[in-house]
Protein backbone atom coordinates (compact mmCIF):
# COMPACT_ATOMS: atom_id res chain seq x y z
CA UNK A 1 107.64 62.44 16.11
CA UNK A 2 106.43 58.90 15.43
CA UNK A 3 108.32 56.01 16.94
CA UNK A 4 108.72 52.42 15.86
CA UNK A 5 106.31 50.03 17.58
CA UNK A 6 108.11 47.12 19.24
CA UNK A 7 105.91 44.03 19.47
CA UNK A 8 106.95 41.19 21.82
CA UNK A 9 106.44 37.71 20.41
CA UNK A 10 104.97 34.82 22.38
CA UNK A 11 105.67 31.54 20.60
CA UNK A 12 103.55 28.65 21.86
CA UNK A 13 104.83 25.09 21.49
CA UNK A 14 103.57 22.07 23.42
CA UNK A 15 101.24 24.43 25.22
CA UNK A 16 104.10 26.51 26.66
CA UNK A 17 106.21 29.43 25.53
CA UNK A 18 108.94 28.23 23.18
CA UNK A 19 111.33 30.63 24.90
CA UNK A 20 111.52 31.66 28.51
CA UNK A 21 113.01 34.89 29.74
CA UNK A 22 116.48 34.53 31.17
CA UNK A 23 116.59 35.92 34.68
CA UNK A 24 118.72 38.64 36.16
CA UNK A 25 120.25 38.73 39.67
CA UNK A 26 117.70 41.24 40.93
CA UNK A 27 114.93 38.65 40.48
CA UNK A 28 116.92 35.79 42.04
CA UNK A 29 115.75 33.29 39.46
CA UNK A 30 117.11 31.61 36.37
CA UNK A 31 114.10 31.93 34.13
CA UNK A 32 110.43 32.79 34.09
CA UNK A 33 107.58 32.82 31.63
CA UNK A 34 106.96 29.22 30.55
CA UNK A 35 103.23 29.95 30.85
CA UNK A 36 102.04 31.92 27.76
CA UNK A 37 99.38 33.75 29.78
CA UNK A 38 101.93 34.76 32.41
CA UNK A 39 104.25 35.87 29.63
CA UNK A 40 101.57 38.11 28.16
CA UNK A 41 101.13 39.78 31.54
CA UNK A 42 104.89 40.29 31.83
CA UNK A 43 105.16 42.02 28.48
CA UNK A 44 102.17 44.18 29.32
CA UNK A 45 103.87 45.15 32.60
CA UNK A 46 106.88 46.14 30.52
CA UNK A 47 104.69 48.57 28.55
CA UNK A 48 104.01 46.53 25.42
CA UNK A 49 101.27 48.08 23.27
CA UNK A 50 100.59 44.97 21.16
CA UNK A 51 101.41 41.27 21.45
CA UNK A 52 102.26 38.83 18.65
CA UNK A 53 101.24 35.24 19.41
CA UNK A 54 102.26 32.29 17.24
CA UNK A 55 100.74 28.85 17.71
CA UNK A 56 103.46 26.48 16.48
CA UNK A 57 101.38 23.49 17.60
CA UNK A 58 98.54 24.56 15.35
CA UNK A 59 100.89 25.30 12.47
CA UNK A 60 102.51 21.86 12.79
CA UNK A 61 99.51 19.60 13.27
CA UNK A 62 96.51 21.83 12.51
CA UNK A 63 95.13 21.39 16.00
CA UNK A 64 93.03 23.74 18.09
CA UNK A 65 94.57 22.60 21.35
CA UNK A 66 95.79 26.07 22.29
CA UNK A 67 92.62 28.04 21.64
CA UNK A 68 91.93 28.26 25.37
CA UNK A 69 95.38 29.79 25.92
CA UNK A 70 94.78 32.41 23.23
CA UNK A 71 91.46 33.30 24.84
CA UNK A 72 93.09 33.57 28.27
CA UNK A 73 95.82 35.81 26.88
CA UNK A 74 93.26 38.13 25.30
CA UNK A 75 91.29 38.26 28.54
CA UNK A 76 94.35 38.83 30.73
CA UNK A 77 95.69 41.98 29.05
CA UNK A 78 94.08 45.22 27.94
CA UNK A 79 96.19 45.56 24.81
CA UNK A 80 95.52 44.10 21.34
CA UNK A 81 96.73 40.59 20.50
CA UNK A 82 97.53 39.51 16.97
CA UNK A 83 97.69 35.83 16.11
CA UNK A 84 99.31 33.51 13.56
CA UNK A 85 99.55 29.76 13.15
CA UNK A 86 97.55 26.83 11.82
CA UNK A 87 94.73 28.68 10.06
CA UNK A 88 93.57 26.50 7.16
CA UNK A 89 89.80 26.91 6.87
CA UNK A 90 86.88 29.25 7.42
CA UNK A 91 86.05 27.29 10.57
CA UNK A 92 89.57 27.91 11.89
CA UNK A 93 89.14 31.63 11.28
CA UNK A 94 85.83 31.81 13.12
CA UNK A 95 87.20 29.82 16.06
CA UNK A 96 90.25 32.02 16.53
CA UNK A 97 88.31 35.25 16.04
CA UNK A 98 85.99 34.17 18.87
CA UNK A 99 88.93 34.17 21.28
CA UNK A 100 89.13 37.98 21.15
CA UNK A 101 92.21 38.56 19.01
CA UNK A 102 92.46 41.94 17.34
CA UNK A 103 94.18 40.80 14.14
CA UNK A 104 94.63 37.50 12.34
CA UNK A 105 97.78 36.93 10.32
CA UNK A 106 97.34 34.51 7.44
CA UNK A 107 100.04 32.87 5.34
CA UNK A 108 99.46 29.35 4.04
CA UNK A 109 95.72 29.76 3.42
CA UNK A 110 96.24 32.81 1.20
CA UNK A 111 98.73 30.89 -0.94
CA UNK A 112 97.14 27.43 -1.11
CA UNK A 113 93.44 28.33 -0.85
CA UNK A 114 93.03 31.82 -2.32
CA UNK A 115 89.25 31.45 -2.71
CA UNK A 116 88.90 30.76 1.01
CA UNK A 117 91.17 33.67 1.81
CA UNK A 118 89.13 36.09 -0.30
CA UNK A 119 85.97 35.06 1.58
CA UNK A 120 87.72 35.62 4.92
CA UNK A 121 89.11 38.95 3.81
CA UNK A 122 85.75 40.13 2.51
CA UNK A 123 84.13 39.23 5.83
CA UNK A 124 86.68 40.75 8.22
CA UNK A 125 88.50 43.39 6.17
CA UNK A 126 92.02 44.87 6.23
CA UNK A 127 91.94 45.98 9.86
CA UNK A 128 91.40 42.42 11.07
CA UNK A 129 93.34 40.45 8.46
CA UNK A 130 97.06 40.74 7.63
CA UNK A 131 99.34 38.70 5.40
CA UNK A 132 102.41 36.85 6.61
CA UNK A 133 105.32 36.68 4.19
CA UNK A 134 107.77 34.02 5.40
CA UNK A 135 110.74 34.18 3.05
CA UNK A 136 113.80 32.08 2.26
CA UNK A 137 116.03 33.47 -0.50
CA UNK A 138 113.16 35.60 -1.88
CA UNK A 139 110.83 32.57 -2.01
CA UNK A 140 107.74 32.17 0.16
CA UNK A 141 107.52 29.18 2.49
CA UNK A 142 104.38 27.70 4.07
CA UNK A 143 103.14 25.05 6.53
CA UNK A 144 105.07 26.34 9.52
CA UNK A 145 107.96 27.47 7.30
CA UNK A 146 108.63 23.96 6.03
CA UNK A 147 107.41 23.97 2.40
CA UNK A 148 109.07 25.96 -0.38
CA UNK A 149 106.44 27.35 -2.73
CA UNK A 150 108.43 28.67 -5.66
CA UNK A 151 106.54 31.97 -5.32
CA UNK A 152 108.47 35.23 -5.25
CA UNK A 153 107.55 37.23 -2.17
CA UNK A 154 107.18 40.53 -4.01
CA UNK A 155 104.91 39.07 -6.68
CA UNK A 156 102.65 37.67 -4.00
CA UNK A 157 102.74 40.83 -1.88
CA UNK A 158 101.65 42.90 -4.86
CA UNK A 159 98.82 40.47 -5.56
CA UNK A 160 97.59 40.73 -1.98
CA UNK A 161 97.82 44.52 -2.03
CA UNK A 162 95.66 44.54 -5.14
CA UNK A 163 93.02 42.62 -3.16
CA UNK A 164 93.06 45.34 -0.51
CA UNK A 165 95.46 43.93 2.08
CA UNK A 166 97.05 46.78 4.01
CA UNK A 167 99.32 45.05 6.56
CA UNK A 168 102.20 42.66 5.87
CA UNK A 169 104.37 40.81 8.39
CA UNK A 170 107.72 40.13 6.71
CA UNK A 171 110.06 37.45 8.06
CA UNK A 172 113.44 36.38 6.75
CA UNK A 173 113.21 32.81 8.03
CA UNK A 174 116.95 32.23 7.91
CA UNK A 175 117.53 35.09 10.36
CA UNK A 176 114.54 34.52 12.60
CA UNK A 177 115.27 33.29 16.12
CA UNK A 178 119.05 33.19 15.74
CA UNK A 179 119.85 36.88 16.32
CA UNK A 180 121.13 37.14 12.76
CA UNK A 181 120.26 40.80 12.33
CA UNK A 182 117.15 42.13 10.58
CA UNK A 183 116.68 41.89 6.83
CA UNK A 184 115.87 45.50 6.06
CA UNK A 185 115.75 44.92 2.32
CA UNK A 186 112.83 42.48 2.31
CA UNK A 187 110.66 44.76 4.44
CA UNK A 188 111.58 47.90 2.54
CA UNK A 189 110.83 46.18 -0.76
CA UNK A 190 107.39 45.02 0.40
CA UNK A 191 106.55 48.49 1.69
CA UNK A 192 107.57 50.06 -1.59
CA UNK A 193 105.73 47.68 -3.91
CA UNK A 194 102.51 47.47 -1.87
CA UNK A 195 102.35 51.02 -0.48
CA UNK A 196 101.01 49.31 2.63
CA UNK A 197 102.12 48.98 6.23
CA UNK A 198 104.89 46.55 7.08
CA UNK A 199 105.93 44.83 10.30
CA UNK A 200 109.48 43.49 10.20
CA UNK A 201 109.89 40.20 12.04
CA UNK A 202 113.04 38.42 13.11
CA UNK A 203 116.73 38.96 13.65
CA UNK A 204 116.74 42.01 15.93
CA UNK A 205 119.68 41.88 18.35
CA UNK A 206 119.91 45.30 19.99
CA UNK A 207 118.66 48.86 20.19
CA UNK A 208 120.91 50.01 17.35
CA UNK A 209 119.14 47.64 14.97
CA UNK A 210 115.80 48.98 16.17
CA UNK A 211 117.04 52.42 15.13
CA UNK A 212 117.98 51.03 11.72
CA UNK A 213 114.43 49.79 11.27
CA UNK A 214 113.00 53.09 12.47
CA UNK A 215 114.72 54.80 9.54
CA UNK A 216 112.37 52.84 7.26
CA UNK A 217 109.26 54.32 8.84
CA UNK A 218 108.77 56.95 6.10
CA UNK A 219 108.62 54.07 3.61
CA UNK A 220 105.90 52.24 5.57
CA UNK A 221 107.80 49.92 7.95
CA UNK A 222 106.18 51.04 11.18
CA UNK A 223 106.70 48.14 13.59
CA UNK A 224 108.96 45.25 14.49
CA UNK A 225 108.34 41.90 16.16
CA UNK A 226 111.05 40.97 18.65
CA UNK A 227 111.43 37.61 20.32
CA UNK A 228 114.75 36.22 21.45
CA UNK A 229 116.45 39.57 22.07
CA UNK A 230 113.72 40.54 24.53
CA UNK A 231 113.77 37.15 26.22
CA UNK A 232 117.53 37.42 26.65
CA UNK A 233 117.39 40.92 28.13
CA UNK A 234 119.45 42.53 25.38
CA UNK A 235 118.01 46.02 25.82
CA UNK A 236 119.33 48.27 28.61
CA UNK A 237 115.85 49.41 29.71
CA UNK A 238 114.80 45.85 30.53
CA UNK A 239 116.89 45.68 33.71
CA UNK A 240 115.06 48.72 35.07
CA UNK A 241 111.70 47.19 34.17
CA UNK A 242 112.54 43.88 35.82
CA UNK A 243 113.71 45.52 39.07
CA UNK A 244 110.51 47.57 39.19
CA UNK A 245 108.26 44.56 38.59
CA UNK A 246 110.16 42.06 40.79
CA UNK A 247 107.41 42.11 43.37
CA UNK A 248 104.77 40.72 41.04
CA UNK A 249 106.34 37.25 40.69
């Protein structure tokens, strides 16, 4: 039986994790994980098979200030790291690929500079390049989820699939980061129209909702990115993990 892949998210802002893990009594601390590299090691200790890293600094100001952190994360864990945030040019792509990431997730470039995207995709292929679909009311948004594009997410997903894209990361922006519950419809629709593989991102609150997503696996939704719910210890197994790993801090 195949199981849904749960991917912890590490969101980098101002050079630190945008969220820190809330502590539990067994660790005798209020929070830990403000260092993105430390956070990567924590999730690996808790048996993560893949990490999702977002550079919000790069997405906001198109800087490369966090490249050294991405490289350190890749060097500190033995699992794949996928990356998103601030990729606008071919030079950006080459710089981030040199850090050791396993997959680059592209959003704005594919929409605003399709010729550049095609060159990147032709060079690296579908195993290394995935498409991010950040959606508000069925419309794609770009530039760190700030700019409405007027483009329907399904129309764009189909276009990308026709180019050969095989992996889509689907985010309902209005539910992301607020524990609003996952938008199963968006992900299921993308899987159906593209016949590709879909990672649902955002909104997961508990294990029951993970089971709801797992029911979409036959359709092509094979993984889910979880941020806040993991950082807030909302899954029963996390307490056992944290007790077991308490000696490493």
